[in-house]
Protein backbone atom coordinates (compact mmCIF):
# COMPACT_ATOMS: atom_id res chain seq x y z
CA UNK A 1 1.62 -5.71 -137.86
CA UNK A 2 2.74 -3.09 -135.59
CA UNK A 3 0.96 -0.37 -137.64
CA UNK A 4 -2.41 -2.13 -136.99
CA UNK A 5 -1.68 -2.40 -133.38
CA UNK A 6 -0.85 1.32 -132.74
CA UNK A 7 -3.62 2.58 -130.05
CA UNK A 8 -4.59 -0.59 -129.04
CA UNK A 9 -4.73 -1.25 -125.37
CA UNK A 10 -3.83 -4.95 -125.19
CA UNK A 11 -3.27 -7.85 -127.84
CA UNK A 12 -4.63 -11.34 -126.97
CA UNK A 13 -2.71 -14.10 -128.93
CA UNK A 14 -4.89 -17.29 -129.80
CA UNK A 15 -3.03 -18.82 -132.62
CA UNK A 16 -1.83 -22.11 -132.94
CA UNK A 17 -0.29 -24.68 -135.56
CA UNK A 18 -3.11 -26.97 -136.50
CA UNK A 19 -2.33 -30.77 -136.58
CA UNK A 20 -4.01 -33.20 -139.36
CA UNK A 21 -3.98 -36.94 -138.81
CA UNK A 22 -1.96 -39.52 -140.67
CA UNK A 23 -4.69 -41.72 -141.92
CA UNK A 24 -2.32 -44.19 -142.15
CA UNK A 25 -1.69 -44.41 -138.27
CA UNK A 26 -5.23 -44.93 -137.74
CA UNK A 27 -5.30 -48.92 -138.13
CA UNK A 28 -2.69 -49.37 -135.30
CA UNK A 29 -4.24 -46.65 -132.79
CA UNK A 30 -7.66 -47.97 -133.26
CA UNK A 31 -6.10 -51.82 -132.63
CA UNK A 32 -4.33 -50.36 -129.60
CA UNK A 33 -7.67 -49.13 -127.89
CA UNK A 34 -9.46 -52.23 -128.40
CA UNK A 35 -6.92 -54.43 -127.29
CA UNK A 36 -5.18 -52.30 -124.46
CA UNK A 37 -2.37 -51.41 -126.43
CA UNK A 38 -0.55 -47.71 -126.18
CA UNK A 39 -0.64 -46.81 -129.95
CA UNK A 40 -1.50 -43.51 -130.57
CA UNK A 41 -1.92 -41.82 -133.99
CA UNK A 42 0.43 -39.78 -135.90
CA UNK A 43 0.15 -36.20 -137.08
CA UNK A 44 1.68 -33.45 -139.93
CA UNK A 45 1.43 -30.13 -140.32
CA UNK A 46 1.35 -28.19 -143.76
CA UNK A 47 4.32 -26.57 -145.30
CA UNK A 48 4.82 -23.27 -143.61
CA UNK A 49 2.28 -23.96 -140.67
CA UNK A 50 4.70 -26.07 -138.22
CA UNK A 51 4.73 -25.65 -134.56
CA UNK A 52 8.11 -23.99 -134.96
CA UNK A 53 6.62 -21.31 -137.54
CA UNK A 54 3.06 -20.79 -136.15
CA UNK A 55 3.60 -21.14 -132.17
CA UNK A 56 6.94 -19.86 -131.65
CA UNK A 57 8.17 -17.49 -134.39
CA UNK A 58 4.60 -16.59 -135.75
CA UNK A 59 3.89 -15.45 -131.82
CA UNK A 60 7.13 -13.81 -131.99
CA UNK A 61 6.19 -11.64 -134.41
CA UNK A 62 3.31 -10.83 -132.83
CA UNK A 63 4.82 -9.51 -129.21
CA UNK A 64 7.70 -7.34 -131.15
CA UNK A 65 4.83 -5.75 -132.96
CA UNK A 66 2.81 -5.31 -129.89
CA UNK A 67 6.13 -3.98 -128.18
CA UNK A 68 6.80 -1.39 -131.20
CA UNK A 69 2.84 -0.01 -131.06
CA UNK A 70 3.06 0.58 -127.35
CA UNK A 71 0.32 -1.90 -126.43
CA UNK A 72 0.20 -2.10 -122.80
CA UNK A 73 -0.83 -5.67 -122.15
CA UNK A 74 -0.47 -8.92 -124.11
CA UNK A 75 -2.42 -12.01 -123.32
CA UNK A 76 -0.94 -15.34 -124.34
CA UNK A 77 -3.41 -18.53 -125.03
CA UNK A 78 -0.70 -21.61 -124.82
CA UNK A 79 -1.28 -25.26 -123.20
CA UNK A 80 -0.49 -27.40 -120.52
CA UNK A 81 2.10 -29.99 -120.80
CA UNK A 82 4.69 -27.62 -121.51
CA UNK A 83 6.90 -29.15 -118.67
CA UNK A 84 6.74 -32.53 -120.36
CA UNK A 85 8.71 -33.49 -123.42
CA UNK A 86 7.32 -36.92 -123.38
CA UNK A 87 3.70 -35.95 -123.43
CA UNK A 88 1.74 -37.31 -126.04
CA UNK A 89 1.23 -33.50 -127.65
CA UNK A 90 5.09 -33.01 -128.09
CA UNK A 91 5.87 -36.55 -129.11
CA UNK A 92 3.18 -36.69 -131.88
CA UNK A 93 3.17 -32.85 -132.68
CA UNK A 94 6.52 -31.93 -133.65
CA UNK A 95 7.03 -30.36 -129.94
CA UNK A 96 3.98 -28.04 -130.30
CA UNK A 97 3.72 -27.09 -126.73
CA UNK A 98 7.83 -26.67 -126.08
CA UNK A 99 7.27 -24.17 -129.17
CA UNK A 100 4.58 -22.38 -127.21
CA UNK A 101 6.43 -22.33 -124.27
CA UNK A 102 9.54 -21.01 -125.93
CA UNK A 103 7.22 -18.37 -126.91
CA UNK A 104 5.70 -17.58 -123.46
CA UNK A 105 9.53 -17.42 -122.20
CA UNK A 106 10.17 -14.58 -125.14
CA UNK A 107 6.94 -12.65 -124.05
CA UNK A 108 8.35 -12.84 -120.34
CA UNK A 109 11.80 -11.55 -121.27
CA UNK A 110 9.87 -8.61 -123.72
CA UNK A 111 9.32 -6.47 -120.80
CA UNK A 112 5.66 -6.15 -121.97
CA UNK A 113 3.17 -6.69 -119.19
CA UNK A 114 1.83 -10.27 -120.05
CA UNK A 115 -0.51 -13.06 -118.84
CA UNK A 116 0.06 -16.48 -120.02
CA UNK A 117 -2.42 -18.88 -119.63
CA UNK A 118 -2.66 -22.92 -119.79
CA UNK A 119 -6.05 -24.63 -120.55
CA UNK A 120 -6.13 -28.14 -119.92
CA UNK A 121 -8.06 -30.36 -122.82
CA UNK A 122 -10.81 -28.29 -124.40
CA UNK A 123 -14.44 -29.17 -124.68
CA UNK A 124 -16.08 -30.08 -126.62
CA UNK A 125 -13.36 -32.31 -128.29
CA UNK A 126 -13.11 -31.87 -132.08
CA UNK A 127 -14.85 -34.24 -134.15
CA UNK A 128 -18.05 -34.99 -136.32
CA UNK A 129 -20.19 -35.38 -133.57
CA UNK A 130 -18.94 -33.62 -130.39
CA UNK A 131 -20.44 -33.78 -127.19
CA UNK A 132 -21.82 -30.68 -126.02
CA UNK A 133 -19.90 -28.61 -123.40
CA UNK A 134 -21.12 -25.31 -122.58
CA UNK A 135 -19.57 -22.57 -120.58
CA UNK A 136 -20.91 -21.60 -117.14
CA UNK A 137 -21.83 -24.94 -115.72
CA UNK A 138 -18.43 -26.02 -114.19
CA UNK A 139 -16.11 -25.22 -111.18
CA UNK A 140 -12.62 -23.84 -112.12
CA UNK A 141 -9.56 -24.37 -110.82
CA UNK A 142 -6.15 -22.83 -111.21
CA UNK A 143 -2.55 -24.69 -110.68
CA UNK A 144 1.19 -24.14 -111.96
CA UNK A 145 3.79 -26.24 -113.57
CA UNK A 146 1.39 -28.87 -114.95
CA UNK A 147 0.67 -30.43 -111.59
CA UNK A 148 -2.72 -31.24 -112.78
CA UNK A 149 -1.23 -33.60 -114.89
CA UNK A 150 -0.44 -35.74 -111.83
CA UNK A 151 -2.98 -34.93 -109.53
CA UNK A 152 -6.19 -35.11 -111.42
CA UNK A 153 -7.67 -37.70 -113.76
CA UNK A 154 -8.28 -36.93 -117.47
CA UNK A 155 -11.88 -35.96 -116.80
CA UNK A 156 -10.63 -33.25 -114.38
CA UNK A 157 -8.39 -31.47 -116.16
CA UNK A 158 -10.27 -30.37 -119.31
CA UNK A 159 -12.14 -27.10 -119.76
CA UNK A 160 -15.02 -25.95 -121.86
CA UNK A 161 -13.94 -23.79 -124.72
CA UNK A 162 -16.30 -21.05 -123.47
CA UNK A 163 -14.87 -20.99 -119.83
CA UNK A 164 -11.44 -20.40 -121.59
CA UNK A 165 -12.72 -17.42 -123.52
CA UNK A 166 -14.81 -15.96 -120.24
CA UNK A 167 -11.49 -15.91 -118.57
CA UNK A 168 -9.58 -14.41 -121.41
CA UNK A 169 -11.77 -11.48 -121.80
CA UNK A 170 -11.77 -11.04 -117.93
CA UNK A 171 -7.88 -11.05 -117.58
CA UNK A 172 -8.12 -7.37 -119.54
CA UNK A 173 -9.90 -5.82 -116.63
CA UNK A 174 -8.68 -7.88 -113.78
CA UNK A 175 -5.38 -5.88 -112.48
CA UNK A 176 -4.68 -9.40 -110.28
CA UNK A 177 -3.86 -11.11 -113.77
CA UNK A 178 -1.18 -9.29 -114.99
CA UNK A 179 2.10 -10.44 -115.03
CA UNK A 180 0.98 -14.19 -113.82
CA UNK A 181 1.59 -17.57 -115.76
CA UNK A 182 -1.09 -20.27 -114.47
CA UNK A 183 -3.18 -23.68 -115.78
CA UNK A 184 -6.95 -23.66 -115.57
CA UNK A 185 -9.12 -26.26 -115.87
CA UNK A 186 -12.59 -27.41 -114.59
CA UNK A 187 -14.38 -29.86 -112.55
CA UNK A 188 -16.70 -32.48 -114.06
CA UNK A 189 -20.33 -30.88 -114.12
CA UNK A 190 -21.99 -31.03 -110.90
CA UNK A 191 -18.89 -31.11 -108.88
CA UNK A 192 -18.66 -27.78 -107.26
CA UNK A 193 -20.35 -24.78 -107.68
CA UNK A 194 -20.02 -23.38 -111.35
CA UNK A 195 -17.59 -20.42 -111.84
CA UNK A 196 -18.95 -17.66 -110.67
CA UNK A 197 -17.12 -14.74 -112.68
CA UNK A 198 -14.58 -13.46 -110.18
CA UNK A 199 -10.95 -14.19 -111.52
CA UNK A 200 -9.42 -12.40 -108.84
CA UNK A 201 -10.83 -14.96 -106.46
CA UNK A 202 -9.93 -17.67 -108.70
CA UNK A 203 -6.45 -16.41 -109.18
CA UNK A 204 -6.15 -16.22 -105.17
CA UNK A 205 -6.06 -19.71 -105.19
CA UNK A 206 -2.49 -19.69 -106.23
CA UNK A 207 -1.53 -17.57 -103.31
CA UNK A 208 0.87 -15.67 -105.83
CA UNK A 209 2.41 -18.59 -107.37
CA UNK A 210 3.50 -18.21 -111.13
CA UNK A 211 4.72 -21.03 -113.72
CA UNK A 212 8.33 -21.68 -113.53
CA UNK A 213 10.12 -21.66 -116.73
CA UNK A 214 13.66 -23.17 -115.07
CA UNK A 215 13.02 -26.36 -116.93
CA UNK A 216 12.79 -28.47 -119.48
CA UNK A 217 16.05 -27.07 -121.33
CA UNK A 218 14.44 -25.80 -124.43
CA UNK A 219 17.55 -24.53 -126.12
CA UNK A 220 18.67 -28.24 -125.95
CA UNK A 221 15.38 -30.02 -126.93
CA UNK A 222 14.66 -27.73 -129.66
CA UNK A 223 18.04 -27.59 -131.29
CA UNK A 224 17.59 -29.85 -133.86
């Protein structure tokens, strides 16, 4: 991998383990949704493609290869919910976001110039008939440490995939994005002016803040 990266100025890591739904869990989840319960579907991962293997070990391989190849900047697409071990994504998907967070910490410790992005829920949602959610039509907002998980309603902590892609590409040419770790979401359509493409101005909302990695204790949580 290092050979393939030689001569590259930047590496963008967007890999992720892909969960598969356990069909046997659907009746209970549907029943809970209809009658006000809290049952949620369960998920599984194919052999060799678990969050630990893909989101941590696979990411670590890419980080190490980038360092060996002399890559100057690594951009890592991660996810919100890394501060909450009890979040649905962690409880139902083998700690997927905690493993992503462990990879983030490895990137920061590598000495490479980095940018880490935690988008909210991606739109359009996966499914056979997804509701369109084009980019370029919504206001974007940034924060740190999963603050949006409690300060915003569910429909205010989503973001179109196209807007995420726009931000990732702009990071490569925005000096203010280097050495940063942040969360990004969008407002619902029609609430506020659409993102104008000025990433430096968007990041200025943070007043220099970055996500903290003081907690949770991943070594303890992921030891088993």
